[in-house]
């Protein structure tokens, strides 16, 4: 296969950390809707909420009707620049391409008689967001969004935060340490622990390959790539671009973290159209894998080709290599760690990689061991990128639904949203989303509208797997 000509810096930086700009913006998974879908987000653009364009985050109030009373919800305004890249801060106002994030599990029942939250001004502009699930016809939920300069003073606990001292993202479910090339000597992920346990379950994200440029071939890994990027003057800080209250943005290119799921970057396939200079190169004999630590010994590894699983015990196992599985799962006594990538074509040259051994193999990095080191290998960059690995990582309860297959089904069946507005000037009408038209009926009926296609961990273009629905 003829090596693809793509730009050097385009591959090196965003693919591994999501720290540089992806002009097309992050990719997101399809927005799913159901009470039992864990940590699903509802992401709307300013174009979807045209009557609210120009509002600050402090003017946007989200409410749901639950158990016979109104509940104030957290809402997050994330800004994007003219090229579509996430920014830490722009003008602080909802623009057409900015995103408003809500959480699906905050949604409530449609309120009786379409009533409004009594704590808000009676004439405040209102959007009723009706939510339906194509896989559950009986599901009907609603969130109301109001615009007002005044509202109740109710403190809302953030779902995720940044511990600067520990350099970790912290939620009730996990602590994640993005690697900092300058401090840690490598890029990717440095640590992962669950709940309040504190035991680090991860060695590191490993990258292997041959980089051909300037007529020479260099073997690279997650350490040497950091050196190359630093020499190119790129920032390799593991600190998030923005944090909370509902999600953290891990870079301009689309990495994100919610309280139960995260994705390190927007997907290697997002790099193909990103150019940063006239230096053509090829990346061959590639591998990307997530290596766990000896702390996972005794757990079991499962994937779409091996649902029965094998025990993680530092002993070699026969794990099918083809096709690369769309889901992988590490099952621990108290939790499940699910990785969702994507299905690939039957003739793909990519192969699943799995190594469970005392040693990590020749030239290994990190702790020198391989405990459930799982990932993908491919002879060329295109085939590696097509797998979507590592995709999106989810932290789920042990021995409970949903099954990995259900997670994939949810991703394939986008959420159905209906928007209706009142209390706004008669000339103001909802604008279409970036790739879907919202045309709700006079009274929004769940299940009858289409899903806006929006980025960063929702559920309608890509549920950014450990990179692929922010």
Protein backbone atom coordinates (compact mmCIF):
# COMPACT_ATOMS: atom_id res chain seq x y z
CA UNK A 1 0.00 0.00 0.00
CA UNK A 2 1.39 3.38 -0.95
CA UNK A 3 2.15 5.36 2.22
CA UNK A 4 -0.35 8.15 2.62
CA UNK A 5 1.05 11.65 2.49
CA UNK A 6 -0.21 13.55 5.50
CA UNK A 7 1.39 16.37 7.42
CA UNK A 8 3.85 15.53 10.17
CA UNK A 9 2.54 17.70 12.99
CA UNK A 10 -1.03 16.85 12.09
CA UNK A 11 -0.48 13.27 13.18
CA UNK A 12 1.82 13.71 16.11
CA UNK A 13 0.00 16.20 18.27
CA UNK A 14 -3.76 15.83 18.05
CA UNK A 15 -3.81 12.10 17.64
CA UNK A 16 -2.38 11.43 21.03
CA UNK A 17 -3.37 14.28 23.28
CA UNK A 18 -6.01 16.37 21.56
CA UNK A 19 -3.95 19.41 22.56
CA UNK A 20 -3.75 21.13 19.20
CA UNK A 21 -6.52 22.41 17.00
CA UNK A 22 -8.53 20.13 14.80
CA UNK A 23 -10.10 22.50 12.30
CA UNK A 24 -13.18 20.32 11.94
CA UNK A 25 -13.75 20.23 15.69
CA UNK A 26 -14.10 17.15 17.87
CA UNK A 27 -16.15 14.23 16.83
CA UNK A 28 -18.98 13.08 18.99
CA UNK A 29 -20.93 9.95 19.28
CA UNK A 30 -24.63 9.81 18.70
CA UNK A 31 -26.63 11.29 21.53
CA UNK A 32 -28.57 8.56 23.24
CA UNK A 33 -31.68 8.97 25.35
CA UNK A 34 -32.83 6.68 28.09
CA UNK A 35 -32.96 6.75 31.86
CA UNK A 36 -30.62 3.78 32.04
CA UNK A 37 -28.02 5.03 29.58
CA UNK A 38 -25.06 5.95 31.80
CA UNK A 39 -23.68 9.47 31.73
CA UNK A 40 -25.29 10.37 28.43
CA UNK A 41 -25.10 14.03 27.48
CA UNK A 42 -27.50 16.22 25.56
CA UNK A 43 -25.52 18.72 23.51
CA UNK A 44 -27.27 21.58 21.73
CA UNK A 45 -25.66 24.32 19.67
CA UNK A 46 -26.55 27.97 19.74
CA UNK A 47 -28.04 27.45 16.28
CA UNK A 48 -30.46 24.94 17.81
CA UNK A 49 -31.34 27.50 20.50
CA UNK A 50 -31.53 30.61 18.32
CA UNK A 51 -33.75 32.64 20.69
CA UNK A 52 -31.09 32.16 23.38
CA UNK A 53 -28.10 33.27 21.29
CA UNK A 54 -26.23 36.05 23.08
CA UNK A 55 -27.06 34.75 26.56
CA UNK A 56 -24.33 34.21 29.13
CA UNK A 57 -24.09 30.95 31.05
CA UNK A 58 -25.42 32.79 34.12
CA UNK A 59 -28.61 33.64 32.19
CA UNK A 60 -29.37 30.02 31.24
CA UNK A 61 -31.44 28.03 33.75
CA UNK A 62 -32.20 24.34 33.19
CA UNK A 63 -35.03 22.62 35.08
CA UNK A 64 -36.74 19.23 35.21
CA UNK A 65 -39.97 17.99 36.78
CA UNK A 66 -39.20 14.97 38.99
CA UNK A 67 -41.25 13.25 41.66
CA UNK A 68 -43.83 16.01 41.64
CA UNK A 69 -41.47 18.96 42.07
CA UNK A 70 -39.06 21.14 40.11
CA UNK A 71 -35.32 20.54 40.20
CA UNK A 72 -32.65 23.03 39.10
CA UNK A 73 -30.03 21.35 36.88
CA UNK A 74 -26.43 22.01 35.99
CA UNK A 75 -25.84 23.35 32.48
CA UNK A 76 -22.49 24.02 30.83
CA UNK A 77 -21.69 26.49 28.06
CA UNK A 78 -18.67 25.47 25.98
CA UNK A 79 -17.36 27.95 23.42
CA UNK A 80 -15.84 27.24 20.02
CA UNK A 81 -13.95 29.62 17.78
CA UNK A 82 -14.74 30.43 14.16
CA UNK A 83 -12.84 27.33 13.01
CA UNK A 84 -14.81 25.05 15.33
CA UNK A 85 -12.09 24.40 17.90
CA UNK A 86 -13.00 24.45 21.58
CA UNK A 87 -11.56 27.39 23.52
CA UNK A 88 -11.21 27.92 27.25
CA UNK A 89 -12.97 31.26 26.94
CA UNK A 90 -14.19 33.49 24.13
CA UNK A 91 -16.80 36.18 24.81
CA UNK A 92 -18.72 34.21 27.44
CA UNK A 93 -21.92 34.32 25.38
CA UNK A 94 -23.81 31.60 23.53
CA UNK A 95 -22.94 31.90 19.84
CA UNK A 96 -24.38 29.86 16.98
CA UNK A 97 -21.52 27.33 17.04
CA UNK A 98 -21.10 27.15 20.82
CA UNK A 99 -22.53 24.22 22.77
CA UNK A 100 -24.86 23.96 25.73
CA UNK A 101 -24.43 20.69 27.61
CA UNK A 102 -27.05 18.99 29.77
CA UNK A 103 -27.12 15.48 31.25
CA UNK A 104 -29.75 12.98 30.20
CA UNK A 105 -30.11 11.46 33.66
CA UNK A 106 -31.18 14.92 34.90
CA UNK A 107 -34.24 14.88 32.63
CA UNK A 108 -37.66 14.52 34.19
CA UNK A 109 -41.22 13.82 33.12
CA UNK A 110 -43.15 16.31 30.99
CA UNK A 111 -44.72 18.62 33.63
CA UNK A 112 -48.51 18.64 34.05
CA UNK A 113 -50.16 21.15 31.76
CA UNK A 114 -46.79 22.30 30.42
CA UNK A 115 -46.27 24.38 33.54
CA UNK A 116 -43.13 26.46 34.17
CA UNK A 117 -40.74 26.42 37.12
CA UNK A 118 -42.34 28.82 39.64
CA UNK A 119 -38.97 30.14 40.82
CA UNK A 120 -38.42 31.87 37.46
CA UNK A 121 -39.95 35.07 36.01
CA UNK A 122 -43.27 34.17 34.37
CA UNK A 123 -42.30 35.90 31.11
CA UNK A 124 -38.78 34.44 30.79
CA UNK A 125 -38.11 32.98 27.31
CA UNK A 126 -38.41 29.20 27.51
CA UNK A 127 -37.30 26.21 25.44
CA UNK A 128 -38.96 22.87 26.13
CA UNK A 129 -36.60 20.05 25.18
CA UNK A 130 -38.62 16.87 24.62
CA UNK A 131 -36.56 13.68 24.67
CA UNK A 132 -37.48 10.35 23.09
CA UNK A 133 -35.63 7.06 22.76
CA UNK A 134 -36.00 5.17 19.44
CA UNK A 135 -35.22 1.91 21.24
CA UNK A 136 -37.78 2.54 23.98
CA UNK A 137 -41.09 3.86 22.59
CA UNK A 138 -42.48 4.31 26.11
CA UNK A 139 -39.70 6.67 27.15
CA UNK A 140 -40.65 10.35 27.29
CA UNK A 141 -38.67 12.98 29.18
CA UNK A 142 -38.26 16.73 29.19
CA UNK A 143 -35.86 19.45 30.26
CA UNK A 144 -36.88 23.10 30.29
CA UNK A 145 -34.36 25.83 29.55
CA UNK A 146 -35.16 29.41 30.52
CA UNK A 147 -33.31 32.66 29.90
CA UNK A 148 -33.29 35.19 32.71
CA UNK A 149 -30.89 37.55 34.45
CA UNK A 150 -32.40 36.51 37.79
CA UNK A 151 -33.06 33.14 39.34
CA UNK A 152 -32.78 31.16 42.58
CA UNK A 153 -29.48 30.92 44.43
CA UNK A 154 -29.06 27.16 44.61
CA UNK A 155 -25.58 25.61 44.68
CA UNK A 156 -25.10 22.69 42.27
CA UNK A 157 -22.30 20.21 42.86
CA UNK A 158 -20.05 19.76 39.80
CA UNK A 159 -19.80 16.23 38.43
CA UNK A 160 -16.14 16.53 37.52
CA UNK A 161 -13.23 18.67 38.72
CA UNK A 162 -9.48 19.10 38.21
CA UNK A 163 -7.13 18.30 41.10
CA UNK A 164 -4.18 20.52 40.17
CA UNK A 165 -1.88 19.13 42.87
CA UNK A 166 -2.39 15.51 41.78
CA UNK A 167 -2.80 16.47 38.10
CA UNK A 168 -5.95 14.36 37.89
CA UNK A 169 -9.52 14.70 36.70
CA UNK A 170 -11.79 13.61 39.53
CA UNK A 171 -15.38 12.36 39.50
CA UNK A 172 -17.31 10.12 41.87
CA UNK A 173 -16.43 7.17 39.63
CA UNK A 174 -12.75 7.63 38.76
CA UNK A 175 -9.55 9.65 38.90
CA UNK A 176 -7.77 10.07 35.56
CA UNK A 177 -4.25 11.41 35.17
CA UNK A 178 -3.44 12.67 31.65
CA UNK A 179 0.29 12.42 31.04
CA UNK A 180 2.37 15.58 30.78
CA UNK A 181 5.30 15.08 28.41
CA UNK A 182 7.57 17.54 30.22
CA UNK A 183 6.89 16.10 33.68
CA UNK A 184 6.24 12.42 32.95
CA UNK A 185 8.45 11.90 29.92
CA UNK A 186 5.65 10.48 27.78
CA UNK A 187 2.23 11.40 26.40
CA UNK A 188 -1.21 9.86 26.71
CA UNK A 189 -2.50 8.66 30.07
CA UNK A 190 -0.52 8.35 33.28
CA UNK A 191 -2.97 6.90 35.81
CA UNK A 192 -6.51 5.65 36.34
CA UNK A 193 -8.11 4.67 39.63
CA UNK A 194 -11.74 3.92 40.41
CA UNK A 195 -13.91 5.53 43.07
CA UNK A 196 -12.03 6.33 46.26
CA UNK A 197 -9.86 3.21 46.10
CA UNK A 198 -6.76 5.03 44.86
CA UNK A 199 -5.14 1.95 43.28
CA UNK A 200 -3.62 2.86 39.92
CA UNK A 201 -4.92 0.38 37.33
CA UNK A 202 -3.02 1.69 34.29
CA UNK A 203 0.60 1.53 33.23
CA UNK A 204 0.24 3.88 30.24
CA UNK A 205 -1.11 4.33 26.73
CA UNK A 206 1.52 2.87 24.40
CA UNK A 207 2.30 3.99 20.86
CA UNK A 208 4.61 2.17 18.47
CA UNK A 209 5.42 2.75 14.83
CA UNK A 210 7.89 3.71 12.15
CA UNK A 211 7.90 7.33 11.07
CA UNK A 212 9.32 8.03 7.62
CA UNK A 213 10.20 11.63 6.83
CA UNK A 214 13.08 13.46 5.15
CA UNK A 215 14.05 10.17 3.50
CA UNK A 216 14.78 8.38 6.78
CA UNK A 217 12.85 5.98 9.02
CA UNK A 218 12.66 6.43 12.79
CA UNK A 219 11.02 4.10 15.29
CA UNK A 220 8.84 6.11 17.64
CA UNK A 221 6.86 5.53 20.82
CA UNK A 222 4.91 7.60 23.34
CA UNK A 223 8.21 8.89 24.78
CA UNK A 224 10.08 9.87 21.61
CA UNK A 225 6.94 11.45 20.15
CA UNK A 226 6.91 13.78 23.12
CA UNK A 227 10.47 14.85 22.34
CA UNK A 228 9.61 15.48 18.68
CA UNK A 229 6.58 17.55 19.57
CA UNK A 230 8.47 19.60 22.14
CA UNK A 231 11.16 20.28 19.54
CA UNK A 232 8.41 21.52 17.23
CA UNK A 233 7.36 24.00 19.90
CA UNK A 234 4.02 22.38 20.74
CA UNK A 235 2.57 22.45 24.24
CA UNK A 236 2.26 18.99 25.76
CA UNK A 237 0.63 19.94 29.02
CA UNK A 238 -1.80 17.35 30.35
CA UNK A 239 -3.93 20.06 31.96
CA UNK A 240 -7.48 20.21 30.56
CA UNK A 241 -8.57 23.11 28.39
CA UNK A 242 -11.68 23.60 30.53
CA UNK A 243 -13.32 21.76 33.42
CA UNK A 244 -16.90 21.41 34.61
CA UNK A 245 -19.42 21.43 35.93
CA UNK A 246 -20.57 18.60 33.64
CA UNK A 247 -17.58 17.75 31.50
CA UNK A 248 -13.92 18.52 31.01
CA UNK A 249 -12.53 19.40 27.59
CA UNK A 250 -9.13 17.78 27.22
CA UNK A 251 -8.05 19.76 24.20
CA UNK A 252 -9.19 21.88 21.28
CA UNK A 253 -9.47 18.73 19.19
CA UNK A 254 -12.24 16.97 21.06
CA UNK A 255 -11.04 14.93 24.01
CA UNK A 256 -13.50 15.03 26.91
CA UNK A 257 -14.37 13.55 30.27
CA UNK A 258 -17.75 13.13 31.94
CA UNK A 259 -18.36 11.59 35.34
CA UNK A 260 -18.56 8.01 34.00
CA UNK A 261 -16.92 8.18 30.59
CA UNK A 262 -14.01 9.84 28.87
CA UNK A 263 -12.20 10.01 25.57
CA UNK A 264 -8.61 11.14 25.36
CA UNK A 265 -8.89 12.59 21.88
CA UNK A 266 -11.31 13.02 19.02
CA UNK A 267 -10.15 10.00 17.03
CA UNK A 268 -7.06 9.47 14.89
CA UNK A 269 -9.20 9.50 11.77
CA UNK A 270 -9.96 13.16 12.45
CA UNK A 271 -6.36 13.99 11.53
CA UNK A 272 -6.50 13.29 7.84
CA UNK A 273 -7.63 16.78 6.85
CA UNK A 274 -5.49 18.70 9.30
CA UNK A 275 -2.39 20.29 7.80
CA UNK A 276 0.43 21.98 9.72
CA UNK A 277 3.23 22.46 7.26
CA UNK A 278 4.59 20.98 4.04
CA UNK A 279 6.43 18.00 5.56
CA UNK A 280 4.93 14.80 4.15
CA UNK A 281 5.52 11.55 5.99
CA UNK A 282 4.23 8.01 6.40
CA UNK A 283 3.53 6.13 9.62
CA UNK A 284 3.76 2.36 9.29
CA UNK A 285 3.87 -0.80 11.43
CA UNK A 286 1.71 1.09 13.89
CA UNK A 287 0.32 0.08 17.26
CA UNK A 288 -1.69 1.87 19.91
CA UNK A 289 -2.64 0.04 23.09
CA UNK A 290 -3.72 0.66 26.66
CA UNK A 291 -1.54 -1.28 29.08
CA UNK A 292 -2.90 -1.95 32.54
CA UNK A 293 -0.90 -2.48 35.73
CA UNK A 294 -0.42 -5.65 37.82
CA UNK A 295 -3.24 -4.32 40.02
CA UNK A 296 -5.75 -5.80 37.54
CA UNK A 297 -4.46 -9.37 38.01
CA UNK A 298 -7.41 -11.67 38.57
CA UNK A 299 -9.76 -9.59 36.42
CA UNK A 300 -11.08 -10.96 33.14
CA UNK A 301 -10.77 -9.57 29.63
CA UNK A 302 -13.64 -9.83 27.12
CA UNK A 303 -14.31 -8.49 23.63
CA UNK A 304 -16.73 -8.91 20.75
CA UNK A 305 -14.71 -11.85 19.40
CA UNK A 306 -14.20 -13.44 22.81
CA UNK A 307 -17.32 -12.83 24.92
CA UNK A 308 -16.46 -15.69 27.30
CA UNK A 309 -13.23 -13.90 28.19
CA UNK A 310 -9.85 -14.87 29.58
CA UNK A 311 -8.31 -14.30 33.01
CA UNK A 312 -5.69 -11.57 33.41
CA UNK A 313 -2.83 -13.47 35.03
CA UNK A 314 0.37 -12.55 33.15
CA UNK A 315 0.07 -15.77 31.11
CA UNK A 316 -0.34 -15.78 27.31
CA UNK A 317 -3.87 -16.25 25.95
CA UNK A 318 -5.34 -17.05 22.55
CA UNK A 319 -7.30 -13.91 21.69
CA UNK A 320 -8.70 -13.55 18.13
CA UNK A 321 -6.94 -10.86 16.12
CA UNK A 322 -9.50 -10.30 13.38
CA UNK A 323 -11.61 -8.34 13.04
CA UNK A 324 -10.60 -5.73 15.62
CA UNK A 325 -13.51 -5.76 18.09
CA UNK A 326 -15.88 -2.81 18.38
CA UNK A 327 -16.01 -3.33 22.16
CA UNK A 328 -13.54 -4.52 24.75
CA UNK A 329 -14.12 -4.86 28.47
CA UNK A 330 -12.02 -5.44 31.57
CA UNK A 331 -14.16 -6.89 34.36
CA UNK A 332 -12.94 -6.27 37.89
CA UNK A 333 -14.55 -7.41 41.16
CA UNK A 334 -16.18 -4.00 41.70
CA UNK A 335 -16.45 -2.45 38.26
CA UNK A 336 -16.32 -2.86 34.51
CA UNK A 337 -14.08 -0.79 32.26
CA UNK A 338 -15.59 -0.77 28.77
CA UNK A 339 -13.81 0.55 25.68
CA UNK A 340 -15.97 1.32 22.66
CA UNK A 341 -14.34 1.80 19.28
CA UNK A 342 -16.04 0.99 15.98
CA UNK A 343 -16.64 -1.94 13.67
CA UNK A 344 -14.25 -2.17 10.71
CA UNK A 345 -14.54 -3.56 7.20
CA UNK A 346 -14.03 -7.35 6.91
CA UNK A 347 -11.00 -6.81 4.68
CA UNK A 348 -9.28 -4.41 7.09
CA UNK A 349 -5.57 -5.00 7.58
CA UNK A 350 -5.83 -3.86 11.20
CA UNK A 351 -5.57 -6.52 13.89
CA UNK A 352 -6.52 -6.68 17.54
CA UNK A 353 -3.55 -6.61 19.90
CA UNK A 354 -3.61 -8.32 23.29
CA UNK A 355 -0.68 -9.24 25.48
CA UNK A 356 -0.87 -10.66 28.99
CA UNK A 357 2.63 -11.54 30.14
CA UNK A 358 5.20 -10.83 32.83
CA UNK A 359 7.32 -8.96 30.28
CA UNK A 360 6.09 -6.34 27.87
CA UNK A 361 8.22 -7.53 24.97
CA UNK A 362 11.36 -6.12 23.30
CA UNK A 363 11.83 -2.39 23.77
CA UNK A 364 8.87 -2.10 26.12
CA UNK A 365 8.29 1.15 27.99
CA UNK A 366 6.62 1.90 31.29
CA UNK A 367 6.75 -0.81 33.95
CA UNK A 368 8.17 -3.38 31.52
CA UNK A 369 5.18 -5.68 31.98
CA UNK A 370 1.98 -6.35 30.04
CA UNK A 371 -1.16 -6.94 32.07
CA UNK A 372 -4.11 -6.95 29.65
CA UNK A 373 -2.24 -4.69 27.24
CA UNK A 374 -5.02 -4.26 24.68
CA UNK A 375 -5.21 -2.33 21.46
CA UNK A 376 -4.76 -2.39 17.70
CA UNK A 377 -1.93 -2.92 15.22
CA UNK A 378 -1.92 -2.03 11.54
CA UNK A 379 0.60 -1.79 8.70
CA UNK A 380 -0.52 1.74 7.85
CA UNK A 381 -2.00 4.80 9.49
CA UNK A 382 -5.33 4.68 7.64
CA UNK A 383 -6.15 1.18 8.83
CA UNK A 384 -5.17 2.03 12.39
CA UNK A 385 -7.31 5.17 12.39
CA UNK A 386 -10.33 3.36 10.94
CA UNK A 387 -10.66 1.23 14.08
CA UNK A 388 -11.36 4.28 16.23
CA UNK A 389 -9.24 2.84 19.04
CA UNK A 390 -8.93 3.60 21.89
CA UNK A 391 -12.32 5.20 21.52
CA UNK A 392 -14.46 5.97 24.53
CA UNK A 393 -13.87 4.47 27.96
CA UNK A 394 -16.77 3.92 30.37
CA UNK A 395 -16.75 3.03 34.06
CA UNK A 396 -19.76 0.82 34.87
CA UNK A 397 -20.98 -1.27 37.82
CA UNK A 398 -19.78 -4.87 37.98
CA UNK A 399 -22.22 -7.61 37.04
CA UNK A 400 -25.01 -5.28 35.94
CA UNK A 401 -26.59 -3.96 32.78
CA UNK A 402 -25.97 -2.50 30.29
CA UNK A 403 -24.05 -5.13 28.33
CA UNK A 404 -21.39 -3.88 25.90
CA UNK A 405 -23.60 -4.81 22.95
CA UNK A 406 -26.32 -2.58 24.39
CA UNK A 407 -23.87 0.31 24.62
CA UNK A 408 -23.15 -0.07 20.91
CA UNK A 409 -26.87 -0.28 20.11
CA UNK A 410 -27.44 2.97 21.98
CA UNK A 411 -24.70 4.63 20.04
CA UNK A 412 -26.23 3.51 16.76
CA UNK A 413 -29.69 4.81 17.73
CA UNK A 414 -29.44 8.58 18.22
CA UNK A 415 -31.52 10.44 20.74
CA UNK A 416 -34.62 12.14 19.44
CA UNK A 417 -35.07 15.73 20.55
CA UNK A 418 -37.92 18.14 20.00
CA UNK A 419 -37.63 21.87 20.71
CA UNK A 420 -40.52 24.24 21.25
CA UNK A 421 -40.20 27.86 22.36
CA UNK A 422 -42.43 30.34 24.12
CA UNK A 423 -42.00 33.75 25.71
CA UNK A 424 -39.76 34.82 22.83
CA UNK A 425 -40.35 37.49 20.17
CA UNK A 426 -42.64 36.14 17.42
CA UNK A 427 -39.91 36.59 14.82
CA UNK A 428 -37.54 34.31 16.70
CA UNK A 429 -37.67 30.74 15.44
CA UNK A 430 -35.42 27.80 16.22
CA UNK A 431 -32.55 27.48 13.79
CA UNK A 432 -31.37 24.20 12.29
CA UNK A 433 -28.51 22.33 13.87
CA UNK A 434 -25.26 21.82 12.01
CA UNK A 435 -26.35 18.61 10.32
CA UNK A 436 -29.99 18.04 11.23
CA UNK A 437 -33.10 20.17 11.11
CA UNK A 438 -35.14 20.61 14.25
CA UNK A 439 -38.78 20.93 13.31
CA UNK A 440 -40.76 20.23 16.49
CA UNK A 441 -44.53 20.31 16.53
CA UNK A 442 -46.44 23.02 18.39
CA UNK A 443 -46.31 20.82 21.47
CA UNK A 444 -43.05 18.93 21.38
CA UNK A 445 -43.72 15.20 21.26
CA UNK A 446 -40.82 12.89 22.14
CA UNK A 447 -39.95 10.47 19.40
CA UNK A 448 -41.11 12.60 16.48
CA UNK A 449 -38.09 14.80 15.86
CA UNK A 450 -34.57 14.34 14.61
CA UNK A 451 -31.33 14.60 16.54
CA UNK A 452 -29.05 17.60 16.20
CA UNK A 453 -25.59 16.43 15.22
CA UNK A 454 -23.15 17.99 17.64
CA UNK A 455 -19.71 17.23 19.09
CA UNK A 456 -18.03 16.39 22.41
CA UNK A 457 -19.52 13.37 24.10
CA UNK A 458 -23.18 13.39 23.25
CA UNK A 459 -24.76 10.71 21.08
CA UNK A 460 -25.42 11.55 17.47
CA UNK A 461 -22.35 11.71 15.36
CA UNK A 462 -19.94 9.76 17.47
CA UNK A 463 -20.16 9.07 21.14
CA UNK A 464 -16.52 10.02 21.30
CA UNK A 465 -15.00 6.72 22.18
CA UNK A 466 -12.05 6.93 24.56
CA UNK A 467 -12.17 9.03 21.96
CA UNK A 468 -15.39 8.78 20.01
CA UNK A 469 -19.46 10.43 21.62
CA UNK A 470 -17.54 14.88 24.24
